[in-house]
Amino acid sequence: MPKLRVLCLKEATQSILNDVYKLNELLAPMVGSLESPEELCSLIEMSSHSFYALKNHQLAGYIVCFKEQSNYHSQNYRHFNGKFSKFCYIDRVGVPRDLENQGIGTELYNYVFNIDDFSNARFCAEVNVKPMNEISLNFHRKLGFKETSKRLINNEHEVVYLEKYVR
């Protein structure tokens, strides 16, 4: 099986960024929809860490993360920023549906878990429970994330907050 290559999304070509944007939109509403590729680029530039994975020279996934004290205005990010002095918020992760269950998401998370900036940090994420994203919930549980609270965003949208401490 070909090895996964993990690369910095901030250094990606426009072609890769377009592919990440298309994948993000295919995965909505399980990941937040973005208005344009430019909004994705802005999000990546604001992020503390963001990566994409290639398998056989094709996009196999992406992950976008934020450290504490970012200017990111997401209410889900703000939930954790008000709670912890050191953390990594995983804003979004995506893997093409035809590549699910091949360990790509786990490899992306493990890559982030091993970044020196995040030693002794809490990793945080949120997952939709309305509409239900059972695949992501099970994935996070398998990685050792624990549910800490829920937030009703509106009548059509509710999330569960997840946390994991990594030394």
Protein backbone atom coordinates (compact mmCIF):
# COMPACT_ATOMS: atom_id res chain seq x y z
CA MET A 1 0.00 0.00 0.00
CA PRO A 2 1.45 3.43 -0.94
CA LYS A 3 2.50 5.63 1.97
CA LEU A 4 0.55 8.75 2.78
CA ARG A 5 2.45 12.03 2.33
CA VAL A 6 1.44 14.81 4.74
CA LEU A 7 2.28 18.33 3.58
CA CYS A 8 1.69 21.89 4.77
CA LEU A 9 -1.55 23.34 3.40
CA LYS A 10 -0.19 26.89 3.65
CA GLU A 11 2.36 25.92 0.97
CA ALA A 12 -0.10 24.08 -1.29
CA THR A 13 -0.59 24.85 -4.96
CA GLN A 14 -3.78 26.50 -6.15
CA SER A 15 -4.81 23.18 -7.65
CA ILE A 16 -4.55 21.44 -4.25
CA LEU A 17 -6.42 24.30 -2.57
CA ASN A 18 -9.20 23.98 -5.15
CA ASP A 19 -9.36 20.22 -4.50
CA VAL A 20 -9.52 20.79 -0.73
CA TYR A 21 -12.34 23.31 -1.22
CA LYS A 22 -14.29 20.89 -3.45
CA LEU A 23 -13.83 18.08 -0.90
CA ASN A 24 -14.92 20.37 1.93
CA GLU A 25 -18.11 21.24 0.08
CA LEU A 26 -18.81 17.57 -0.75
CA LEU A 27 -18.60 16.78 2.96
CA ALA A 28 -20.97 19.58 4.06
CA PRO A 29 -22.90 19.73 6.34
CA MET A 30 -20.68 17.30 8.27
CA VAL A 31 -17.93 19.91 7.98
CA GLY A 32 -18.84 23.56 7.74
CA SER A 33 -19.53 24.79 4.25
CA LEU A 34 -17.40 27.67 2.98
CA GLU A 35 -18.60 30.38 0.59
CA SER A 36 -15.59 30.26 -1.72
CA PRO A 37 -12.06 28.97 -2.23
CA GLU A 38 -10.92 32.40 -1.03
CA GLU A 39 -12.67 31.83 2.30
CA LEU A 40 -10.82 28.52 2.60
CA CYS A 41 -7.50 30.28 1.90
CA SER A 42 -8.28 32.89 4.55
CA LEU A 43 -9.10 30.14 7.07
CA ILE A 44 -5.85 28.31 6.27
CA GLU A 45 -3.80 31.50 6.63
CA MET A 46 -5.41 32.23 10.00
CA SER A 47 -4.86 28.64 11.22
CA SER A 48 -1.86 27.74 13.34
CA HIS A 49 -1.42 24.38 11.59
CA SER A 50 -3.05 22.94 8.49
CA PHE A 51 -2.08 19.96 6.39
CA TYR A 52 -3.17 17.88 3.45
CA ALA A 53 -2.40 14.29 2.63
CA LEU A 54 -1.58 12.77 -0.74
CA LYS A 55 -1.98 9.13 -1.66
CA ASN A 56 -0.91 8.09 -5.15
CA HIS A 57 -0.45 11.82 -5.94
CA GLN A 58 -4.16 12.46 -5.22
CA LEU A 59 -5.73 14.42 -2.36
CA ALA A 60 -6.50 11.93 0.42
CA GLY A 61 -7.51 14.34 3.16
CA TYR A 62 -6.93 17.61 4.99
CA ILE A 63 -6.95 19.01 8.52
CA VAL A 64 -7.13 22.62 9.76
CA CYS A 65 -6.21 23.49 13.37
CA PHE A 66 -6.07 26.56 15.60
CA LYS A 67 -4.04 27.20 18.73
CA GLU A 68 -5.21 29.28 21.67
CA GLN A 69 -5.55 33.06 21.32
CA SER A 70 -6.25 33.01 17.58
CA ASN A 71 -8.36 35.68 15.89
CA TYR A 72 -10.69 32.96 14.66
CA HIS A 73 -14.28 33.94 15.44
CA SER A 74 -16.03 30.57 15.25
CA GLN A 75 -18.31 30.14 18.27
CA ASN A 76 -17.08 26.56 18.60
CA TYR A 77 -13.46 27.74 18.71
CA ARG A 78 -14.39 30.46 21.22
CA HIS A 79 -15.96 27.78 23.45
CA PHE A 80 -12.54 26.17 23.92
CA ASN A 81 -10.53 29.41 23.87
CA GLY A 82 -12.48 30.59 26.91
CA LYS A 83 -11.88 27.28 28.68
CA PHE A 84 -8.19 26.41 28.15
CA SER A 85 -4.93 28.35 28.17
CA LYS A 86 -3.23 25.78 25.87
CA PHE A 87 -5.08 23.71 23.31
CA CYS A 88 -5.39 22.67 19.69
CA TYR A 89 -8.81 23.13 18.14
CA ILE A 90 -9.37 20.87 15.16
CA ASP A 91 -11.69 23.01 13.09
CA ARG A 92 -12.18 20.64 10.19
CA VAL A 93 -10.87 17.40 8.81
CA GLY A 94 -11.98 15.75 5.60
CA VAL A 95 -11.32 12.50 3.79
CA PRO A 96 -12.96 11.59 0.46
CA ARG A 97 -15.78 9.07 0.99
CA ASP A 98 -14.09 6.49 -1.25
CA LEU A 99 -11.01 6.60 1.00
CA GLU A 100 -12.80 6.33 4.35
CA ASN A 101 -11.77 3.55 6.74
CA GLN A 102 -8.21 3.41 5.38
CA GLY A 103 -6.57 5.14 8.37
CA ILE A 104 -6.11 8.51 6.65
CA GLY A 105 -8.00 10.53 9.27
CA THR A 106 -6.15 8.72 12.05
CA GLU A 107 -2.82 9.44 10.38
CA LEU A 108 -3.67 13.14 10.02
CA TYR A 109 -4.69 13.35 13.69
CA ASN A 110 -1.55 11.49 14.81
CA TYR A 111 0.53 13.88 12.74
CA VAL A 112 -1.01 16.83 14.62
CA PHE A 113 -0.76 15.06 18.01
CA ASN A 114 3.01 14.86 17.50
CA ILE A 115 3.65 18.54 16.76
CA ASP A 116 5.95 20.01 19.41
CA ASP A 117 3.71 23.09 19.86
CA PHE A 118 1.03 20.77 21.19
CA SER A 119 2.98 18.75 23.76
CA ASN A 120 0.99 18.62 26.99
CA ALA A 121 -2.00 20.18 25.25
CA ARG A 122 -5.68 19.45 25.08
CA PHE A 123 -7.07 18.60 21.64
CA CYS A 124 -10.58 19.84 21.02
CA ALA A 125 -13.19 19.33 18.35
CA GLU A 126 -16.90 19.43 17.81
CA VAL A 127 -19.07 16.99 15.92
CA ASN A 128 -22.59 17.44 14.61
CA VAL A 129 -25.26 15.49 16.42
CA LYS A 130 -27.98 17.32 14.49
CA PRO A 131 -27.66 16.44 11.68
CA MET A 132 -26.04 13.33 13.14
CA ASN A 133 -22.48 12.59 12.05
CA GLU A 134 -22.13 9.10 13.53
CA ILE A 135 -19.00 8.33 11.49
CA SER A 136 -17.10 11.30 12.97
CA LEU A 137 -18.42 10.64 16.47
CA ASN A 138 -17.24 7.02 16.35
CA PHE A 139 -13.91 8.09 14.83
CA HIS A 140 -13.24 10.56 17.66
CA ARG A 141 -14.28 8.05 20.33
CA LYS A 142 -11.89 5.49 18.82
CA LEU A 143 -9.07 8.05 19.10
CA GLY A 144 -9.87 8.59 22.78
CA PHE A 145 -11.83 11.84 22.63
CA LYS A 146 -14.42 12.31 25.39
CA GLU A 147 -17.70 14.21 25.07
CA THR A 148 -17.76 17.17 27.46
CA SER A 149 -20.86 19.18 26.53
CA LYS A 150 -23.42 19.94 23.83
CA ARG A 151 -24.53 23.16 22.19
CA LEU A 152 -27.74 23.81 20.32
CA ILE A 153 -26.77 26.15 17.50
CA ASN A 154 -30.26 26.49 16.02
CA ASN A 155 -33.30 24.28 15.28
CA GLU A 156 -31.41 22.37 12.57
CA HIS A 157 -27.95 22.24 14.13
CA GLU A 158 -26.52 20.86 17.38
CA VAL A 159 -22.93 19.89 18.20
CA VAL A 160 -21.17 17.87 20.86
CA TYR A 161 -17.83 19.14 22.17
CA LEU A 162 -15.01 16.63 22.42
CA GLU A 163 -11.66 16.76 24.20
CA LYS A 164 -8.53 14.66 24.49
CA TYR A 165 -5.38 15.35 26.47
CA VAL A 166 -2.09 14.33 24.85
CA ARG A 167 1.24 14.49 26.68
